[in-house]
């Protein structure tokens, strides 16, 4: 596959996957997600690769979730509904990141918001730059991830904190994220990729079978959440066709305050 939205490099047993849409804070569209899956699958199939780094281009954002300008009334990129899902193969991407038998390190170089926040959460490890910002935005823009984005998040930070993150849609600093268990390590922005490569190199030195079995074991306790995710994404495809969801998207695009009051009547 020819890559337009993603940069992919393999070196010294490490695959580095970079979301390359800095002009939109590395928000993803359908094409982006397809390319991410393709890159992860290539790293999966290459026995020379022992670890994967996921990051974003530039210094402003790791990923800010779905590109609202590519979201229509029936999903992203003009597709959606009961037959086409939400127009993003996001379930496939989440499953691939979790199932690839090699640790995935998120190198968070700025905003990790919305669907981008979910991506870093489901990675095995997270290293953040000092200027990284974390948080959710779904309920503000007429969207949600009621699968891995909620249930798995709660396993990491606890029920109360996970509900706070989703209900309030606040932003959290790298230090706050580390305190709640979302981040393993914080480094200066200029040292971020080197720090991720250092950890990846240490993993590559280890027994690949041992690492594979350890990852499978860690995933086993939360494997049922993927079934919940299927239900959540099916409901989301229908929700995207409502005026309520459209209000969140339109307010974001028009840069105006969102008004959900009429949907409480």
C-alpha atoms as a PDB file:
ATOM      1  CA  UNK A   1       0.000   0.000   0.000  1.00  0.00           C
ATOM      2  CA  UNK A   2       1.255   3.477  -0.908  1.00  0.00           C
ATOM      3  CA  UNK A   3       1.309   5.575   2.260  1.00  0.00           C
ATOM      4  CA  UNK A   4       0.046   9.159   2.220  1.00  0.00           C
ATOM      5  CA  UNK A   5      -1.143   9.736   5.803  1.00  0.00           C
ATOM      6  CA  UNK A   6       1.427   7.619   7.634  1.00  0.00           C
ATOM      7  CA  UNK A   7       5.214   7.333   7.686  1.00  0.00           C
ATOM      8  CA  UNK A   8       6.677   3.877   8.320  1.00  0.00           C
ATOM      9  CA  UNK A   9      10.282   2.974   9.057  1.00  0.00           C
ATOM     10  CA  UNK A  10      12.022  -0.213  10.154  1.00  0.00           C
ATOM     11  CA  UNK A  11      15.471  -0.112  11.713  1.00  0.00           C
ATOM     12  CA  UNK A  12      17.427  -2.303  14.134  1.00  0.00           C
ATOM     13  CA  UNK A  13      14.423  -4.521  14.871  1.00  0.00           C
ATOM     14  CA  UNK A  14      12.158  -1.554  15.643  1.00  0.00           C
ATOM     15  CA  UNK A  15       9.225  -0.404  13.514  1.00  0.00           C
ATOM     16  CA  UNK A  16       8.282   3.270  13.863  1.00  0.00           C
ATOM     17  CA  UNK A  17       4.807   4.281  12.701  1.00  0.00           C
ATOM     18  CA  UNK A  18       4.102   8.024  12.501  1.00  0.00           C
ATOM     19  CA  UNK A  19       0.703   9.596  11.854  1.00  0.00           C
ATOM     20  CA  UNK A  20       1.635  12.253   9.306  1.00  0.00           C
ATOM     21  CA  UNK A  21      -1.203  14.795   9.266  1.00  0.00           C
ATOM     22  CA  UNK A  22       0.266  17.586  11.428  1.00  0.00           C
ATOM     23  CA  UNK A  23      -1.847  20.231   9.666  1.00  0.00           C
ATOM     24  CA  UNK A  24      -4.911  18.767  11.449  1.00  0.00           C
ATOM     25  CA  UNK A  25      -3.114  17.806  14.684  1.00  0.00           C
ATOM     26  CA  UNK A  26      -2.714  14.274  13.330  1.00  0.00           C
ATOM     27  CA  UNK A  27      -6.443  13.625  13.349  1.00  0.00           C
ATOM     28  CA  UNK A  28      -7.261  10.489  11.394  1.00  0.00           C
ATOM     29  CA  UNK A  29      -9.587   9.874   8.459  1.00  0.00           C
ATOM     30  CA  UNK A  30     -10.525   6.547   6.896  1.00  0.00           C
ATOM     31  CA  UNK A  31      -7.360   6.425   4.796  1.00  0.00           C
ATOM     32  CA  UNK A  32      -5.191   7.089   7.843  1.00  0.00           C
ATOM     33  CA  UNK A  33      -6.675   4.189   9.758  1.00  0.00           C
ATOM     34  CA  UNK A  34      -6.228   1.822   6.801  1.00  0.00           C
ATOM     35  CA  UNK A  35      -2.582   2.813   6.495  1.00  0.00           C
ATOM     36  CA  UNK A  36      -2.008   2.377  10.228  1.00  0.00           C
ATOM     37  CA  UNK A  37      -3.457  -1.134  10.089  1.00  0.00           C
ATOM     38  CA  UNK A  38      -1.293  -1.961   7.064  1.00  0.00           C
ATOM     39  CA  UNK A  39       1.862  -0.738   8.820  1.00  0.00           C
ATOM     40  CA  UNK A  40       1.091  -2.652  12.009  1.00  0.00           C
ATOM     41  CA  UNK A  41       0.328  -5.808   9.998  1.00  0.00           C
ATOM     42  CA  UNK A  42       3.648  -5.491   8.181  1.00  0.00           C
ATOM     43  CA  UNK A  43       5.465  -5.150  11.513  1.00  0.00           C
ATOM     44  CA  UNK A  44       3.483  -8.152  12.781  1.00  0.00           C
ATOM     45  CA  UNK A  45       4.558 -10.329   9.840  1.00  0.00           C
ATOM     46  CA  UNK A  46       8.217  -9.261   9.870  1.00  0.00           C
ATOM     47  CA  UNK A  47      10.090 -11.590  12.231  1.00  0.00           C
ATOM     48  CA  UNK A  48      12.972  -9.132  12.375  1.00  0.00           C
ATOM     49  CA  UNK A  49      10.770  -6.626  14.218  1.00  0.00           C
ATOM     50  CA  UNK A  50      10.547  -6.990  17.981  1.00  0.00           C
ATOM     51  CA  UNK A  51       8.859  -3.743  19.036  1.00  0.00           C
ATOM     52  CA  UNK A  52       6.768  -0.952  17.516  1.00  0.00           C
ATOM     53  CA  UNK A  53       6.732   2.784  18.242  1.00  0.00           C
ATOM     54  CA  UNK A  54       3.591   4.784  17.461  1.00  0.00           C
ATOM     55  CA  UNK A  55       3.878   8.577  17.345  1.00  0.00           C
ATOM     56  CA  UNK A  56       2.666  11.698  15.535  1.00  0.00           C
ATOM     57  CA  UNK A  57       4.432  14.084  13.171  1.00  0.00           C
ATOM     58  CA  UNK A  58       5.461  17.492  14.461  1.00  0.00           C
ATOM     59  CA  UNK A  59       5.579  18.795  18.015  1.00  0.00           C
ATOM     60  CA  UNK A  60       1.936  19.732  18.583  1.00  0.00           C
ATOM     61  CA  UNK A  61       0.038  16.456  18.554  1.00  0.00           C
ATOM     62  CA  UNK A  62       0.288  12.699  18.886  1.00  0.00           C
ATOM     63  CA  UNK A  63      -3.265  12.279  17.581  1.00  0.00           C
ATOM     64  CA  UNK A  64      -6.546  14.117  18.160  1.00  0.00           C
ATOM     65  CA  UNK A  65      -8.931  11.389  17.020  1.00  0.00           C
ATOM     66  CA  UNK A  66     -11.294  11.436  14.065  1.00  0.00           C
ATOM     67  CA  UNK A  67     -11.045  14.390  11.686  1.00  0.00           C
ATOM     68  CA  UNK A  68     -14.408  16.113  12.143  1.00  0.00           C
ATOM     69  CA  UNK A  69     -14.168  17.732   8.711  1.00  0.00           C
ATOM     70  CA  UNK A  70     -14.284  14.233   7.205  1.00  0.00           C
ATOM     71  CA  UNK A  71     -17.326  13.219   9.254  1.00  0.00           C
ATOM     72  CA  UNK A  72     -20.726  13.387   7.566  1.00  0.00           C
ATOM     73  CA  UNK A  73     -24.218  12.557   8.762  1.00  0.00           C
ATOM     74  CA  UNK A  74     -23.601   8.827   8.326  1.00  0.00           C
ATOM     75  CA  UNK A  75     -19.989   8.537   9.375  1.00  0.00           C
ATOM     76  CA  UNK A  76     -16.516   9.405   8.165  1.00  0.00           C
ATOM     77  CA  UNK A  77     -15.495   9.716   4.516  1.00  0.00           C
ATOM     78  CA  UNK A  78     -19.114   9.546   3.378  1.00  0.00           C
ATOM     79  CA  UNK A  79     -19.715   5.996   4.593  1.00  0.00           C
ATOM     80  CA  UNK A  80     -21.458   4.587   7.612  1.00  0.00           C
ATOM     81  CA  UNK A  81     -24.814   3.310   8.751  1.00  0.00           C
ATOM     82  CA  UNK A  82     -25.741  -0.243   9.623  1.00  0.00           C
ATOM     83  CA  UNK A  83     -23.816  -1.706   6.706  1.00  0.00           C
ATOM     84  CA  UNK A  84     -20.650   0.363   6.641  1.00  0.00           C
ATOM     85  CA  UNK A  85     -19.952   1.053  10.287  1.00  0.00           C
ATOM     86  CA  UNK A  86     -18.667   4.568  11.000  1.00  0.00           C
ATOM     87  CA  UNK A  87     -16.431   4.856   7.946  1.00  0.00           C
ATOM     88  CA  UNK A  88     -13.309   4.131   9.990  1.00  0.00           C
ATOM     89  CA  UNK A  89     -11.857   0.675  10.557  1.00  0.00           C
ATOM     90  CA  UNK A  90     -11.136   1.732  14.124  1.00  0.00           C
ATOM     91  CA  UNK A  91     -12.124  -1.620  15.627  1.00  0.00           C
ATOM     92  CA  UNK A  92      -9.607  -3.296  13.335  1.00  0.00           C
ATOM     93  CA  UNK A  93      -6.885  -0.850  14.368  1.00  0.00           C
ATOM     94  CA  UNK A  94      -7.584  -1.318  18.077  1.00  0.00           C
ATOM     95  CA  UNK A  95      -7.568  -5.097  17.694  1.00  0.00           C
ATOM     96  CA  UNK A  96      -4.304  -5.031  15.730  1.00  0.00           C
ATOM     97  CA  UNK A  97      -2.498  -2.893  18.315  1.00  0.00           C
ATOM     98  CA  UNK A  98      -3.620  -5.201  21.103  1.00  0.00           C
ATOM     99  CA  UNK A  99      -3.083  -8.476  19.238  1.00  0.00           C
ATOM    100  CA  UNK A 100       0.258  -7.833  17.523  1.00  0.00           C
ATOM    101  CA  UNK A 101       2.638 -10.143  19.432  1.00  0.00           C
ATOM    102  CA  UNK A 102       5.134  -7.344  19.923  1.00  0.00           C
ATOM    103  CA  UNK A 103       4.960  -4.490  22.458  1.00  0.00           C
ATOM    104  CA  UNK A 104       3.728  -1.157  21.120  1.00  0.00           C
ATOM    105  CA  UNK A 105       5.166   2.006  22.667  1.00  0.00           C
ATOM    106  CA  UNK A 106       3.191   5.227  22.289  1.00  0.00           C
ATOM    107  CA  UNK A 107       5.534   8.221  22.037  1.00  0.00           C
ATOM    108  CA  UNK A 108       3.135  11.059  22.858  1.00  0.00           C
ATOM    109  CA  UNK A 109       4.554  14.294  21.488  1.00  0.00           C
ATOM    110  CA  UNK A 110       1.686  16.713  22.202  1.00  0.00           C
ATOM    111  CA  UNK A 111      -2.098  16.413  22.251  1.00  0.00           C
ATOM    112  CA  UNK A 112      -3.515  12.901  22.741  1.00  0.00           C
ATOM    113  CA  UNK A 113      -7.199  13.746  22.624  1.00  0.00           C
ATOM    114  CA  UNK A 114     -10.382  11.821  21.796  1.00  0.00           C
ATOM    115  CA  UNK A 115      -9.685   8.822  19.586  1.00  0.00           C
ATOM    116  CA  UNK A 116      -5.987   9.666  19.830  1.00  0.00           C
ATOM    117  CA  UNK A 117      -6.216   9.303  23.589  1.00  0.00           C
ATOM    118  CA  UNK A 118      -7.755   5.856  23.112  1.00  0.00           C
ATOM    119  CA  UNK A 119      -4.877   4.844  20.831  1.00  0.00           C
ATOM    120  CA  UNK A 120      -2.234   5.626  23.430  1.00  0.00           C
ATOM    121  CA  UNK A 121      -4.284   3.956  26.184  1.00  0.00           C
ATOM    122  CA  UNK A 122      -4.363   0.611  24.371  1.00  0.00           C
ATOM    123  CA  UNK A 123      -0.646   0.672  23.539  1.00  0.00           C
ATOM    124  CA  UNK A 124       1.505  -1.444  25.862  1.00  0.00           C
ATOM    125  CA  UNK A 125       3.600   1.458  27.116  1.00  0.00           C
ATOM    126  CA  UNK A 126       3.432   5.247  26.928  1.00  0.00           C
ATOM    127  CA  UNK A 127       6.331   7.690  27.009  1.00  0.00           C
ATOM    128  CA  UNK A 128       5.252  11.331  26.958  1.00  0.00           C
ATOM    129  CA  UNK A 129       7.014  14.591  26.240  1.00  0.00           C
ATOM    130  CA  UNK A 130       6.810  17.268  28.914  1.00  0.00           C
ATOM    131  CA  UNK A 131       4.305  19.230  26.817  1.00  0.00           C
ATOM    132  CA  UNK A 132       1.959  16.284  26.187  1.00  0.00           C
ATOM    133  CA  UNK A 133      -1.733  16.858  26.895  1.00  0.00           C
ATOM    134  CA  UNK A 134      -4.247  14.072  27.451  1.00  0.00           C
ATOM    135  CA  UNK A 135      -8.037  13.980  27.491  1.00  0.00           C
ATOM    136  CA  UNK A 136     -11.341  13.013  25.954  1.00  0.00           C
ATOM    137  CA  UNK A 137     -13.626  15.026  23.670  1.00  0.00           C
ATOM    138  CA  UNK A 138     -16.298  12.586  22.447  1.00  0.00           C
ATOM    139  CA  UNK A 139     -19.322  13.922  24.368  1.00  0.00           C
ATOM    140  CA  UNK A 140     -18.424  17.469  23.225  1.00  0.00           C
ATOM    141  CA  UNK A 141     -18.475  16.571  19.525  1.00  0.00           C
ATOM    142  CA  UNK A 142     -21.301  14.036  19.458  1.00  0.00           C
ATOM    143  CA  UNK A 143     -19.228  10.872  19.652  1.00  0.00           C
ATOM    144  CA  UNK A 144     -17.975   8.210  22.079  1.00  0.00           C
ATOM    145  CA  UNK A 145     -15.881   5.058  22.380  1.00  0.00           C
ATOM    146  CA  UNK A 146     -17.844   2.887  24.793  1.00  0.00           C
ATOM    147  CA  UNK A 147     -15.542  -0.118  24.452  1.00  0.00           C
ATOM    148  CA  UNK A 148     -11.779  -0.140  24.970  1.00  0.00           C
ATOM    149  CA  UNK A 149     -11.910   3.639  25.320  1.00  0.00           C
ATOM    150  CA  UNK A 150     -13.969   3.329  28.503  1.00  0.00           C
ATOM    151  CA  UNK A 151     -13.818  -0.153  30.004  1.00  0.00           C
ATOM    152  CA  UNK A 152     -10.090  -0.657  29.445  1.00  0.00           C
ATOM    153  CA  UNK A 153      -9.345   2.902  30.542  1.00  0.00           C
ATOM    154  CA  UNK A 154     -11.131   2.136  33.820  1.00  0.00           C
ATOM    155  CA  UNK A 155      -8.832  -0.847  34.372  1.00  0.00           C
ATOM    156  CA  UNK A 156      -5.854   1.489  34.181  1.00  0.00           C
ATOM    157  CA  UNK A 157      -6.983   4.577  36.094  1.00  0.00           C
ATOM    158  CA  UNK A 158      -9.940   3.249  38.097  1.00  0.00           C
ATOM    159  CA  UNK A 159     -13.682   3.698  37.644  1.00  0.00           C
ATOM    160  CA  UNK A 160     -14.001   7.139  39.228  1.00  0.00           C
ATOM    161  CA  UNK A 161     -11.166   8.698  37.260  1.00  0.00           C
ATOM    162  CA  UNK A 162     -12.266   7.108  33.980  1.00  0.00           C
ATOM    163  CA  UNK A 163     -15.770   8.526  34.447  1.00  0.00           C
ATOM    164  CA  UNK A 164     -14.282  11.943  35.198  1.00  0.00           C
ATOM    165  CA  UNK A 165     -12.187  11.813  32.010  1.00  0.00           C
ATOM    166  CA  UNK A 166     -15.207  10.967  29.830  1.00  0.00           C
ATOM    167  CA  UNK A 167     -17.956  12.959  31.550  1.00  0.00           C
ATOM    168  CA  UNK A 168     -16.040  16.230  31.977  1.00  0.00           C
ATOM    169  CA  UNK A 169     -13.748  16.153  28.909  1.00  0.00           C
ATOM    170  CA  UNK A 170     -11.006  18.002  30.778  1.00  0.00           C
ATOM    171  CA  UNK A 171      -7.364  18.117  29.699  1.00  0.00           C
ATOM    172  CA  UNK A 172      -4.538  16.651  31.760  1.00  0.00           C
ATOM    173  CA  UNK A 173      -0.816  17.356  31.773  1.00  0.00           C
ATOM    174  CA  UNK A 174       1.821  14.680  31.279  1.00  0.00           C
ATOM    175  CA  UNK A 175       2.549  14.701  35.009  1.00  0.00           C
ATOM    176  CA  UNK A 176      -1.144  14.304  35.868  1.00  0.00           C
ATOM    177  CA  UNK A 177      -1.375  11.440  33.386  1.00  0.00           C
ATOM    178  CA  UNK A 178       1.619   9.738  34.981  1.00  0.00           C
ATOM    179  CA  UNK A 179       0.102  10.103  38.435  1.00  0.00           C
ATOM    180  CA  UNK A 180      -3.053   8.291  37.300  1.00  0.00           C
ATOM    181  CA  UNK A 181      -1.079   5.492  35.622  1.00  0.00           C
ATOM    182  CA  UNK A 182      -1.624   6.525  32.000  1.00  0.00           C
ATOM    183  CA  UNK A 183       2.038   7.354  31.350  1.00  0.00           C
ATOM    184  CA  UNK A 184       5.138   5.312  32.171  1.00  0.00           C
ATOM    185  CA  UNK A 185       7.772   8.001  31.666  1.00  0.00           C
ATOM    186  CA  UNK A 186       8.084  11.725  30.885  1.00  0.00           C
ATOM    187  CA  UNK A 187      11.020  13.194  28.961  1.00  0.00           C
ATOM    188  CA  UNK A 188      11.838  16.520  27.276  1.00  0.00           C
ATOM    189  CA  UNK A 189      10.330  16.891  23.804  1.00  0.00           C
ATOM    190  CA  UNK A 190      13.753  16.728  22.162  1.00  0.00           C
ATOM    191  CA  UNK A 191      14.466  13.359  23.805  1.00  0.00           C
ATOM    192  CA  UNK A 192      11.110  11.667  23.192  1.00  0.00           C
ATOM    193  CA  UNK A 193      11.869   9.509  20.174  1.00  0.00           C
ATOM    194  CA  UNK A 194      15.283   8.550  21.538  1.00  0.00           C
ATOM    195  CA  UNK A 195      13.681   7.462  24.804  1.00  0.00           C
ATOM    196  CA  UNK A 196      11.105   5.369  22.957  1.00  0.00           C
ATOM    197  CA  UNK A 197      13.840   3.810  20.815  1.00  0.00           C
ATOM    198  CA  UNK A 198      15.881   3.027  23.928  1.00  0.00           C
ATOM    199  CA  UNK A 199      12.991   1.124  25.499  1.00  0.00           C
ATOM    200  CA  UNK A 200      12.175  -0.588  22.190  1.00  0.00           C
ATOM    201  CA  UNK A 201      15.806  -1.689  21.837  1.00  0.00           C
ATOM    202  CA  UNK A 202      15.726  -3.237  25.308  1.00  0.00           C
ATOM    203  CA  UNK A 203      12.593  -5.178  24.317  1.00  0.00           C
ATOM    204  CA  UNK A 204      14.162  -6.359  21.053  1.00  0.00           C
ATOM    205  CA  UNK A 205      17.000  -7.928  23.087  1.00  0.00           C
ATOM    206  CA  UNK A 206      14.533 -10.158  24.953  1.00  0.00           C
ATOM    207  CA  UNK A 207      13.136 -13.575  24.039  1.00  0.00           C
ATOM    208  CA  UNK A 208      10.448 -12.969  21.373  1.00  0.00           C
ATOM    209  CA  UNK A 209       8.402 -15.965  22.527  1.00  0.00           C
ATOM    210  CA  UNK A 210       8.504 -14.825  26.147  1.00  0.00           C
ATOM    211  CA  UNK A 211       7.404 -11.310  25.159  1.00  0.00           C
ATOM    212  CA  UNK A 212       4.614 -12.704  22.955  1.00  0.00           C
ATOM    213  CA  UNK A 213       3.243 -14.898  25.728  1.00  0.00           C
ATOM    214  CA  UNK A 214       3.489 -12.113  28.296  1.00  0.00           C
ATOM    215  CA  UNK A 215       1.505  -9.762  26.065  1.00  0.00           C
ATOM    216  CA  UNK A 216      -1.131 -12.449  25.486  1.00  0.00           C
ATOM    217  CA  UNK A 217      -1.385 -12.981  29.229  1.00  0.00           C
ATOM    218  CA  UNK A 218      -1.749  -9.265  29.959  1.00  0.00           C
ATOM    219  CA  UNK A 219      -4.488  -9.023  27.302  1.00  0.00           C
ATOM    220  CA  UNK A 220      -6.417 -12.076  28.473  1.00  0.00           C
ATOM    221  CA  UNK A 221      -8.088 -10.393  31.437  1.00  0.00           C
ATOM    222  CA  UNK A 222      -9.627  -7.682  29.254  1.00  0.00           C
ATOM    223  CA  UNK A 223     -10.261  -9.666  26.067  1.00  0.00           C
ATOM    224  CA  UNK A 224     -14.033  -9.525  26.646  1.00  0.00           C
ATOM    225  CA  UNK A 225     -13.948  -5.761  26.121  1.00  0.00           C
ATOM    226  CA  UNK A 226     -13.468  -6.278  22.388  1.00  0.00           C
ATOM    227  CA  UNK A 227     -16.956  -7.796  22.274  1.00  0.00           C
ATOM    228  CA  UNK A 228     -18.299  -4.732  24.043  1.00  0.00           C
ATOM    229  CA  UNK A 229     -16.467  -2.584  21.494  1.00  0.00           C
ATOM    230  CA  UNK A 230     -18.344  -4.269  18.635  1.00  0.00           C
ATOM    231  CA  UNK A 231     -21.659  -3.333  20.245  1.00  0.00           C
ATOM    232  CA  UNK A 232     -20.414   0.180  20.971  1.00  0.00           C
ATOM    233  CA  UNK A 233     -19.280   0.815  17.397  1.00  0.00           C
ATOM    234  CA  UNK A 234     -22.551  -0.567  16.015  1.00  0.00           C
ATOM    235  CA  UNK A 235     -24.485   1.873  18.185  1.00  0.00           C
ATOM    236  CA  UNK A 236     -22.130   4.687  17.191  1.00  0.00           C
ATOM    237  CA  UNK A 237     -22.838   4.112  13.497  1.00  0.00           C
ATOM    238  CA  UNK A 238     -26.525   4.748  14.210  1.00  0.00           C
ATOM    239  CA  UNK A 239     -25.841   7.673  16.550  1.00  0.00           C
ATOM    240  CA  UNK A 240     -23.842   9.451  13.849  1.00  0.00           C
ATOM    241  CA  UNK A 241     -27.037   9.665  11.784  1.00  0.00           C
ATOM    242  CA  UNK A 242     -28.839  11.735  14.432  1.00  0.00           C
ATOM    243  CA  UNK A 243     -29.205  15.506  14.733  1.00  0.00           C
ATOM    244  CA  UNK A 244     -27.655  15.293  18.186  1.00  0.00           C
ATOM    245  CA  UNK A 245     -24.375  13.935  16.867  1.00  0.00           C
ATOM    246  CA  UNK A 246     -24.448  16.407  13.971  1.00  0.00           C
ATOM    247  CA  UNK A 247     -24.719  19.306  16.436  1.00  0.00           C
ATOM    248  CA  UNK A 248     -21.463  18.286  18.109  1.00  0.00           C
ATOM    249  CA  UNK A 249     -19.640  17.991  14.792  1.00  0.00           C
ATOM    250  CA  UNK A 250     -21.048  21.226  13.354  1.00  0.00           C
ATOM    251  CA  UNK A 251     -20.238  23.253  16.473  1.00  0.00           C
ATOM    252  CA  UNK A 252     -16.637  22.032  16.317  1.00  0.00           C
ATOM    253  CA  UNK A 253     -16.255  22.867  12.632  1.00  0.00           C
ATOM    254  CA  UNK A 254     -17.981  26.245  12.986  1.00  0.00           C
ATOM    255  CA  UNK A 255     -15.921  27.034  16.108  1.00  0.00           C
ATOM    256  CA  UNK A 256     -18.974  27.937  18.152  1.00  0.00           C
ATOM    257  CA  UNK A 257     -20.304  26.748  21.522  1.00  0.00           C
ATOM    258  CA  UNK A 258     -22.124  23.444  21.236  1.00  0.00           C
ATOM    259  CA  UNK A 259     -25.810  23.391  22.241  1.00  0.00           C
ATOM    260  CA  UNK A 260     -27.251  20.030  23.236  1.00  0.00           C
ATOM    261  CA  UNK A 261     -30.097  21.522  25.306  1.00  0.00           C
ATOM    262  CA  UNK A 262     -32.820  20.762  22.750  1.00  0.00           C
ATOM    263  CA  UNK A 263     -31.998  17.058  22.930  1.00  0.00           C
ATOM    264  CA  UNK A 264     -32.975  16.950  26.601  1.00  0.00           C
ATOM    265  CA  UNK A 265     -36.607  17.795  25.862  1.00  0.00           C
END
